N, C-alpha and C. Protein backbone atom coordinates (compact mmCIF):
# COMPACT_ATOMS: atom_id res chain seq x y z
N MET A 1 99.99 236.33 143.02
CA MET A 1 98.89 235.87 143.31
C MET A 1 98.47 234.62 143.88
N GLY A 2 99.53 233.79 143.60
CA GLY A 2 100.29 232.15 143.96
C GLY A 2 101.25 231.96 145.03
N ARG A 3 100.91 232.93 145.51
CA ARG A 3 102.29 232.80 146.61
C ARG A 3 101.60 231.71 148.25
N HIS A 4 102.92 231.02 148.95
CA HIS A 4 102.60 230.76 150.21
C HIS A 4 103.33 231.53 151.42
N ARG A 5 102.10 232.36 152.10
CA ARG A 5 103.28 232.36 152.90
C ARG A 5 103.44 231.74 154.64
N SER A 6 102.88 230.43 153.82
CA SER A 6 102.87 229.55 155.22
C SER A 6 104.58 228.58 156.02
N ASP A 7 105.28 228.50 154.41
CA ASP A 7 106.35 228.11 154.33
C ASP A 7 107.42 229.61 155.84
N PRO A 8 107.44 230.32 155.59
CA PRO A 8 107.83 231.01 156.45
C PRO A 8 107.34 230.85 157.69
N MET A 9 106.29 230.82 158.04
CA MET A 9 105.95 231.15 159.23
C MET A 9 105.44 229.60 160.16
N GLY A 10 105.81 227.78 159.34
CA GLY A 10 105.64 227.05 160.01
C GLY A 10 107.18 227.14 160.18
N ILE A 11 108.37 227.36 159.17
CA ILE A 11 110.28 227.11 160.09
C ILE A 11 109.94 228.25 160.79
N ALA A 12 109.34 229.28 161.12
CA ALA A 12 109.80 229.90 162.63
C ALA A 12 109.08 229.37 164.27
N ARG A 13 107.45 228.76 163.64
CA ARG A 13 106.77 228.13 164.58
C ARG A 13 107.69 227.07 164.45
N LEU A 14 108.13 225.55 163.91
CA LEU A 14 108.76 224.31 164.17
C LEU A 14 110.38 225.60 165.02
N ALA A 15 110.49 226.13 164.86
CA ALA A 15 112.34 226.79 165.80
C ALA A 15 111.79 227.05 167.01
N LEU A 16 110.22 228.28 167.18
CA LEU A 16 109.94 228.07 168.60
C LEU A 16 109.55 226.82 169.39
N ALA A 17 109.17 225.70 168.46
CA ALA A 17 108.96 224.51 169.24
C ALA A 17 109.99 223.74 169.96
N GLY A 18 111.13 223.97 168.80
CA GLY A 18 112.36 223.58 168.98
C GLY A 18 112.90 224.24 170.54
N LEU A 19 113.04 225.21 171.04
CA LEU A 19 113.26 226.20 171.72
C LEU A 19 113.26 225.82 172.28
N ALA A 20 111.36 225.98 172.75
CA ALA A 20 110.98 225.99 174.02
C ALA A 20 111.09 223.61 174.70
N VAL A 21 111.41 223.13 173.92
CA VAL A 21 111.52 222.01 174.34
C VAL A 21 112.86 221.46 174.71
N LEU A 22 113.79 222.22 174.50
CA LEU A 22 115.17 222.46 174.60
C LEU A 22 115.16 223.06 176.42
N ALA A 23 114.86 224.25 176.26
CA ALA A 23 114.29 224.94 177.64
C ALA A 23 113.99 223.60 178.49
N VAL A 24 112.61 223.02 177.91
CA VAL A 24 112.19 222.32 179.29
C VAL A 24 113.26 221.21 179.55
N LEU A 25 113.99 220.87 178.90
CA LEU A 25 115.11 219.71 178.70
C LEU A 25 116.63 220.00 179.82
N ALA A 26 116.37 221.38 179.03
CA ALA A 26 117.23 221.97 180.53
C ALA A 26 117.63 221.80 181.65
N LEU A 27 116.19 222.38 181.75
CA LEU A 27 115.48 222.77 183.75
C LEU A 27 115.33 220.97 184.17
N ILE A 28 115.41 220.01 183.64
CA ILE A 28 114.78 219.09 183.85
C ILE A 28 116.47 218.48 184.68
N VAL A 29 116.96 218.46 184.14
CA VAL A 29 118.79 218.29 183.71
C VAL A 29 119.29 218.80 185.09
N PHE A 30 119.35 220.37 184.60
CA PHE A 30 119.54 221.33 186.07
C PHE A 30 118.98 220.97 187.39
N GLY A 31 117.34 220.90 187.31
CA GLY A 31 117.07 220.50 188.50
C GLY A 31 117.00 218.66 188.86
N ALA A 32 117.75 217.84 188.13
CA ALA A 32 117.93 216.57 188.59
C ALA A 32 119.71 216.40 189.34
N ARG A 33 120.40 217.19 188.85
CA ARG A 33 121.81 217.90 189.05
C ARG A 33 121.47 217.92 190.76
N SER A 34 120.32 218.67 190.49
CA SER A 34 121.15 219.84 191.69
C SER A 34 120.30 219.35 192.82
N LEU A 35 119.02 218.51 192.70
CA LEU A 35 118.77 217.11 193.88
C LEU A 35 119.54 215.73 194.32
N ILE A 36 119.92 215.63 192.63
CA ILE A 36 120.98 214.49 193.08
C ILE A 36 122.72 215.33 194.17
N GLY A 37 123.39 216.36 193.68
CA GLY A 37 124.10 217.75 194.86
C GLY A 37 123.56 217.72 196.07
N ALA A 38 122.20 217.91 196.08
CA ALA A 38 121.69 218.14 197.27
C ALA A 38 121.06 217.11 198.10
N LEU A 39 120.99 215.80 197.65
CA LEU A 39 120.96 214.46 198.76
C LEU A 39 122.33 213.91 198.67
N ASP A 40 123.30 214.35 197.76
CA ASP A 40 125.10 213.84 198.17
C ASP A 40 125.08 214.43 199.43
N SER A 41 124.90 215.70 199.22
CA SER A 41 126.12 217.20 200.65
C SER A 41 125.27 217.17 202.22
N SER A 42 123.70 216.22 201.85
CA SER A 42 123.31 216.25 203.16
C SER A 42 123.70 214.42 204.03
N GLU A 43 124.01 213.97 202.51
CA GLU A 43 124.69 212.74 203.21
C GLU A 43 126.45 213.05 204.68
N ALA A 44 126.49 213.35 203.15
CA ALA A 44 128.19 214.09 203.41
C ALA A 44 128.38 214.38 205.20
N GLU A 45 127.85 215.95 204.68
CA GLU A 45 127.15 216.84 206.36
C GLU A 45 126.77 216.00 207.51
N THR A 46 126.02 214.78 207.53
CA THR A 46 126.17 213.83 208.13
C THR A 46 127.31 212.45 208.73
N ALA A 47 128.12 212.06 207.35
CA ALA A 47 128.58 210.99 207.69
C ALA A 47 130.08 211.69 208.13
N ALA A 48 130.50 212.45 207.53
CA ALA A 48 131.71 212.87 207.51
C ALA A 48 132.07 213.54 208.84
N PRO A 49 131.45 214.72 209.54
CA PRO A 49 131.52 215.11 210.89
C PRO A 49 131.55 213.84 211.55
N SER A 50 130.76 212.55 211.72
CA SER A 50 130.53 211.95 212.85
C SER A 50 132.21 211.71 213.01
N ALA A 51 133.13 211.13 212.84
CA ALA A 51 134.40 210.68 212.81
C ALA A 51 135.38 211.55 213.54
N PRO A 52 134.86 213.02 213.60
CA PRO A 52 135.97 213.87 214.29
C PRO A 52 135.03 214.17 215.95
N ALA A 53 133.55 213.53 215.35
CA ALA A 53 132.75 213.85 216.99
C ALA A 53 133.65 213.14 217.67
N ALA A 54 133.33 211.88 217.46
CA ALA A 54 134.23 210.10 218.09
C ALA A 54 134.59 210.71 218.87
N GLY A 55 135.45 211.82 218.94
CA GLY A 55 137.45 211.69 219.75
C GLY A 55 137.14 213.14 220.40
N SER A 56 136.17 214.23 219.94
CA SER A 56 135.16 215.14 220.78
C SER A 56 134.88 214.93 222.20
N SER A 57 136.26 214.92 223.06
CA SER A 57 135.09 213.78 224.84
C SER A 57 134.86 215.08 225.01
N GLY A 58 135.30 216.80 224.98
CA GLY A 58 134.86 217.49 225.94
C GLY A 58 135.53 217.64 227.00
N ALA A 59 137.02 216.59 226.61
CA ALA A 59 138.09 217.17 227.90
C ALA A 59 138.79 218.90 227.87
N SER A 60 139.34 219.08 229.22
CA SER A 60 139.85 220.72 228.99
C SER A 60 140.61 221.00 227.89
N GLY A 61 141.07 219.83 227.14
CA GLY A 61 141.76 220.74 226.10
C GLY A 61 141.11 221.03 224.47
N ASP A 62 140.37 220.49 225.22
CA ASP A 62 138.88 220.81 223.54
C ASP A 62 138.50 222.17 223.78
N THR A 63 138.63 222.73 222.61
CA THR A 63 138.79 224.23 222.28
C THR A 63 137.05 224.10 221.84
N PRO A 64 136.37 225.44 222.45
CA PRO A 64 134.69 225.69 222.30
C PRO A 64 134.54 225.27 220.44
N GLU A 65 135.41 225.55 219.72
CA GLU A 65 135.11 225.18 217.98
C GLU A 65 135.46 223.90 217.43
N LYS A 66 135.72 223.05 218.23
CA LYS A 66 135.97 221.85 217.79
C LYS A 66 134.29 220.81 218.81
N ILE A 67 134.30 221.75 219.46
CA ILE A 67 133.44 220.75 220.15
C ILE A 67 131.07 221.12 219.67
N PRO A 68 130.92 220.25 218.98
CA PRO A 68 129.66 220.47 218.85
C PRO A 68 128.53 221.31 219.25
N THR A 69 127.70 222.35 218.78
CA THR A 69 126.63 222.89 219.71
C THR A 69 126.02 221.39 220.22
N VAL A 70 125.34 220.45 219.21
CA VAL A 70 124.28 219.62 219.44
C VAL A 70 125.12 218.46 218.61
N LEU A 71 125.25 217.07 219.22
CA LEU A 71 125.56 215.96 218.93
C LEU A 71 124.41 214.62 219.27
N VAL A 72 123.99 214.53 218.02
CA VAL A 72 122.48 213.49 218.13
C VAL A 72 123.28 212.34 217.41
N GLU A 73 123.33 210.69 218.80
CA GLU A 73 124.19 209.26 217.55
C GLU A 73 123.19 208.29 218.46
N CYS A 74 122.44 208.18 216.99
CA CYS A 74 121.48 206.65 217.24
C CYS A 74 122.35 205.88 218.22
N VAL A 75 120.92 205.01 218.86
CA VAL A 75 121.74 204.11 220.10
C VAL A 75 121.01 202.99 219.98
N ALA A 76 119.82 203.18 218.91
CA ALA A 76 118.81 201.46 218.48
C ALA A 76 118.98 201.63 216.96
N GLU A 77 118.61 200.21 216.80
CA GLU A 77 118.50 199.48 215.44
C GLU A 77 118.02 201.06 214.19
N ARG A 78 117.07 201.63 214.56
CA ARG A 78 116.00 202.78 214.03
C ARG A 78 115.79 203.10 214.35
N CYS A 79 116.34 204.96 214.52
CA CYS A 79 115.56 205.53 215.31
C CYS A 79 114.95 206.69 214.61
N PRO A 80 113.71 206.64 214.83
CA PRO A 80 112.50 207.73 214.03
C PRO A 80 113.15 208.92 213.77
N THR A 81 112.59 209.89 213.15
CA THR A 81 113.01 211.04 212.27
C THR A 81 113.67 211.96 213.41
N VAL A 82 114.57 212.50 213.33
CA VAL A 82 115.46 213.17 213.87
C VAL A 82 115.65 214.55 213.08
N PHE A 83 115.33 215.98 214.12
CA PHE A 83 114.86 217.19 212.66
C PHE A 83 116.10 217.69 213.37
N LEU A 84 117.36 218.59 213.12
CA LEU A 84 118.44 219.65 213.32
C LEU A 84 117.87 220.26 212.25
N LYS A 85 117.79 221.88 213.05
CA LYS A 85 117.88 223.12 212.01
C LYS A 85 118.31 224.37 212.93
N VAL A 86 119.42 225.01 212.10
CA VAL A 86 119.53 225.86 212.25
C VAL A 86 118.31 227.15 212.71
N ALA A 87 118.65 228.13 213.70
CA ALA A 87 117.56 228.35 214.03
C ALA A 87 117.14 229.42 213.27
N GLY A 88 116.18 229.47 212.64
CA GLY A 88 115.90 230.86 212.05
C GLY A 88 116.31 231.04 210.10
N GLY A 89 116.65 228.88 210.04
CA GLY A 89 117.81 229.05 209.12
C GLY A 89 117.39 227.95 208.25
N ASP A 90 119.14 227.11 207.94
CA ASP A 90 118.64 225.88 206.85
C ASP A 90 118.10 224.34 208.13
N VAL A 91 117.72 223.81 207.59
CA VAL A 91 117.18 221.99 207.63
C VAL A 91 118.74 221.32 207.86
N LEU A 92 118.86 220.80 208.83
CA LEU A 92 120.49 220.33 208.54
C LEU A 92 119.88 218.45 208.39
N LEU A 93 119.57 217.92 209.10
CA LEU A 93 118.61 217.11 209.00
C LEU A 93 117.32 216.82 209.79
N ASN A 94 116.33 216.33 208.71
CA ASN A 94 115.05 215.40 208.88
C ASN A 94 114.85 213.81 208.76
N ARG A 95 115.55 212.69 208.70
CA ARG A 95 114.98 211.72 208.77
C ARG A 95 115.62 210.82 209.72
N GLU A 96 115.01 209.51 209.16
CA GLU A 96 115.49 208.13 210.15
C GLU A 96 116.76 207.93 210.00
N MET A 97 117.33 207.28 211.51
CA MET A 97 118.59 207.44 211.54
C MET A 97 118.99 206.25 211.73
N ALA A 98 120.10 204.91 211.20
CA ALA A 98 120.15 203.32 211.79
C ALA A 98 121.53 203.56 212.87
N ARG A 99 121.29 202.69 213.43
CA ARG A 99 122.82 202.60 214.61
C ARG A 99 123.76 202.66 214.61
N GLY A 100 124.95 203.42 215.36
CA GLY A 100 126.00 204.35 215.54
C GLY A 100 126.12 205.60 214.72
N GLU A 101 124.66 206.05 213.24
CA GLU A 101 125.31 206.56 212.68
C GLU A 101 124.66 208.53 213.38
N GLN A 102 125.72 209.41 213.60
CA GLN A 102 125.46 210.61 214.12
C GLN A 102 125.58 212.06 212.96
N ALA A 103 125.07 212.99 214.34
CA ALA A 103 124.85 214.31 212.72
C ALA A 103 125.35 215.29 214.62
N GLN A 104 125.46 216.27 214.03
CA GLN A 104 126.42 217.37 215.07
C GLN A 104 126.22 218.69 214.17
N SER A 105 126.10 219.45 214.53
CA SER A 105 126.09 221.16 214.29
C SER A 105 126.60 221.64 215.59
N PHE A 106 127.76 222.80 214.70
CA PHE A 106 129.02 223.68 215.18
C PHE A 106 127.83 224.90 215.49
N ASP A 107 126.47 225.65 214.70
CA ASP A 107 125.60 226.83 214.49
C ASP A 107 125.78 226.98 215.72
N ALA A 108 125.36 228.14 215.88
CA ALA A 108 125.43 228.98 217.35
C ALA A 108 124.11 228.73 218.04
N LYS A 109 123.06 228.04 217.66
CA LYS A 109 121.51 227.71 217.72
C LYS A 109 120.98 227.07 216.96
N VAL A 110 120.63 226.00 217.36
CA VAL A 110 119.99 224.54 216.66
C VAL A 110 118.55 223.93 217.90
N ASP A 111 117.82 224.35 216.29
CA ASP A 111 116.07 223.97 216.88
C ASP A 111 116.73 222.62 216.65
N VAL A 112 116.06 221.76 218.03
CA VAL A 112 116.25 219.55 217.45
C VAL A 112 114.94 219.29 217.95
N VAL A 113 114.14 218.42 217.42
CA VAL A 113 112.61 218.03 217.49
C VAL A 113 113.63 216.11 217.14
N LEU A 114 113.02 215.18 218.41
CA LEU A 114 113.60 213.66 218.20
C LEU A 114 112.13 213.19 218.84
N THR A 115 111.55 212.23 217.55
CA THR A 115 110.86 211.35 217.23
C THR A 115 110.28 211.23 218.50
N ASP A 116 111.42 209.38 218.80
CA ASP A 116 111.71 209.00 219.97
C ASP A 116 112.93 209.17 220.42
N ALA A 117 112.70 209.89 222.08
CA ALA A 117 113.94 210.51 222.78
C ALA A 117 114.74 209.53 222.86
N SER A 118 114.46 207.99 223.46
CA SER A 118 115.22 207.52 224.58
C SER A 118 115.93 206.11 222.91
N THR A 119 115.56 206.55 221.98
CA THR A 119 116.47 205.64 221.19
C THR A 119 117.94 206.60 220.19
N VAL A 120 118.38 207.84 221.35
CA VAL A 120 118.97 208.63 220.25
C VAL A 120 119.89 208.99 221.86
N ARG A 121 121.45 209.30 221.34
CA ARG A 121 122.18 209.85 222.54
C ARG A 121 122.53 211.04 222.54
N VAL A 122 122.44 212.40 223.50
CA VAL A 122 122.40 213.83 222.70
C VAL A 122 123.50 214.09 223.46
N ARG A 123 124.63 214.94 222.88
CA ARG A 123 124.86 216.04 223.72
C ARG A 123 125.50 217.10 223.84
N VAL A 124 124.83 218.07 224.20
CA VAL A 124 124.99 219.34 224.07
C VAL A 124 125.90 220.20 224.28
N ASN A 125 127.38 221.33 223.74
CA ASN A 125 127.76 221.50 224.41
C ASN A 125 129.28 220.22 224.32
N GLY A 126 128.52 219.14 224.40
CA GLY A 126 130.23 218.39 225.15
C GLY A 126 129.59 217.82 226.05
N ALA A 127 128.82 218.15 226.74
CA ALA A 127 128.46 217.07 228.28
C ALA A 127 126.44 216.41 227.25
N PRO A 128 126.83 215.31 228.28
CA PRO A 128 125.08 214.74 227.95
C PRO A 128 124.13 214.92 228.56
N ARG A 129 122.85 214.86 227.23
CA ARG A 129 121.78 215.57 227.68
C ARG A 129 120.81 214.40 228.31
N GLU A 130 120.03 214.09 229.39
CA GLU A 130 119.05 213.21 230.10
C GLU A 130 118.08 212.60 229.01
N PRO A 131 118.39 211.12 228.74
CA PRO A 131 117.72 210.39 227.70
C PRO A 131 116.27 210.35 228.13
N GLY A 132 115.52 210.81 227.05
CA GLY A 132 114.17 210.75 227.26
C GLY A 132 113.32 208.68 226.86
N GLY A 133 112.18 209.58 227.75
CA GLY A 133 111.21 207.92 228.11
C GLY A 133 110.77 207.19 226.48
N THR A 134 111.03 205.79 226.54
CA THR A 134 110.24 205.16 225.47
C THR A 134 109.30 206.12 225.11
N GLY A 135 109.51 206.57 223.35
CA GLY A 135 108.36 206.29 222.27
C GLY A 135 107.94 208.02 222.99
N GLU A 136 108.70 208.85 223.76
CA GLU A 136 108.93 210.18 224.13
C GLU A 136 109.53 211.53 222.90
N ARG A 137 108.58 212.55 222.23
CA ARG A 137 108.35 213.16 221.33
C ARG A 137 109.82 214.63 222.20
N GLN A 138 109.79 214.56 221.60
CA GLN A 138 110.96 216.15 222.36
C GLN A 138 111.48 216.78 221.41
N GLU A 139 111.21 217.89 222.33
CA GLU A 139 111.34 219.88 220.90
C GLU A 139 112.17 220.47 222.30
N PHE A 140 112.94 221.12 221.11
CA PHE A 140 114.24 221.95 221.99
C PHE A 140 114.93 222.70 220.80
N THR A 141 115.93 223.41 222.21
CA THR A 141 116.83 223.90 221.04
C THR A 141 118.22 224.49 222.04
N VAL A 142 119.29 224.18 221.30
CA VAL A 142 119.93 224.31 222.16
C VAL A 142 120.81 225.43 221.27
N SER A 143 121.96 226.01 222.15
CA SER A 143 122.73 227.21 222.14
C SER A 143 124.17 227.13 222.16
N ARG A 144 125.25 228.12 221.25
CA ARG A 144 126.17 227.09 221.85
C ARG A 144 126.73 227.81 222.95
N GLU A 145 127.71 227.33 223.64
CA GLU A 145 128.35 227.96 224.85
C GLU A 145 129.42 228.80 224.75
N GLU A 146 129.74 230.26 225.11
CA GLU A 146 131.15 231.29 224.33
C GLU A 146 131.78 230.72 225.68
C-alpha cells in the first residue's frame, strides 16, 4: 500500500522536458545558420558578379549569356533602396547600395524598383537606360533579348 508511483512519472516528465528543450535549441541553431547563410549568399551574389559585369561592354563579341538582363550600379554616395526580383520568383536584392556597388541578373525577366532613379546607372541587355530625375521612383520589368 505504501508504493510511490511518482518516481517513474517524474522521470518521464523530466525526459520529455529535456527533449523539448533540445528540440527548441536545435531549431534556434538551424534558424541562425540559415539566416547567416542567406545573408552571406545575398552579399556574394551582389558583390561577386560585379567584377565580370564591368568587362561586359556590350561589344559584338559578347554572347547574350554574358550580358546581364539588367545591371544596376550605384553612382551616388548612397543609393536608396534598389529592388530586383525574378518575375514571379525570388527576390535578388532589396536594400540600399553604396557608391560603385553593382547588382545584376541574367534571368529571363526581372522586376526592378528604384527608390531614387537618379542615383543609379541602369543597363538593360547591355544598353544604357535613360536615368531618372532626382528623387524619381521607377518601377519596370526587363526581359532578356534572345
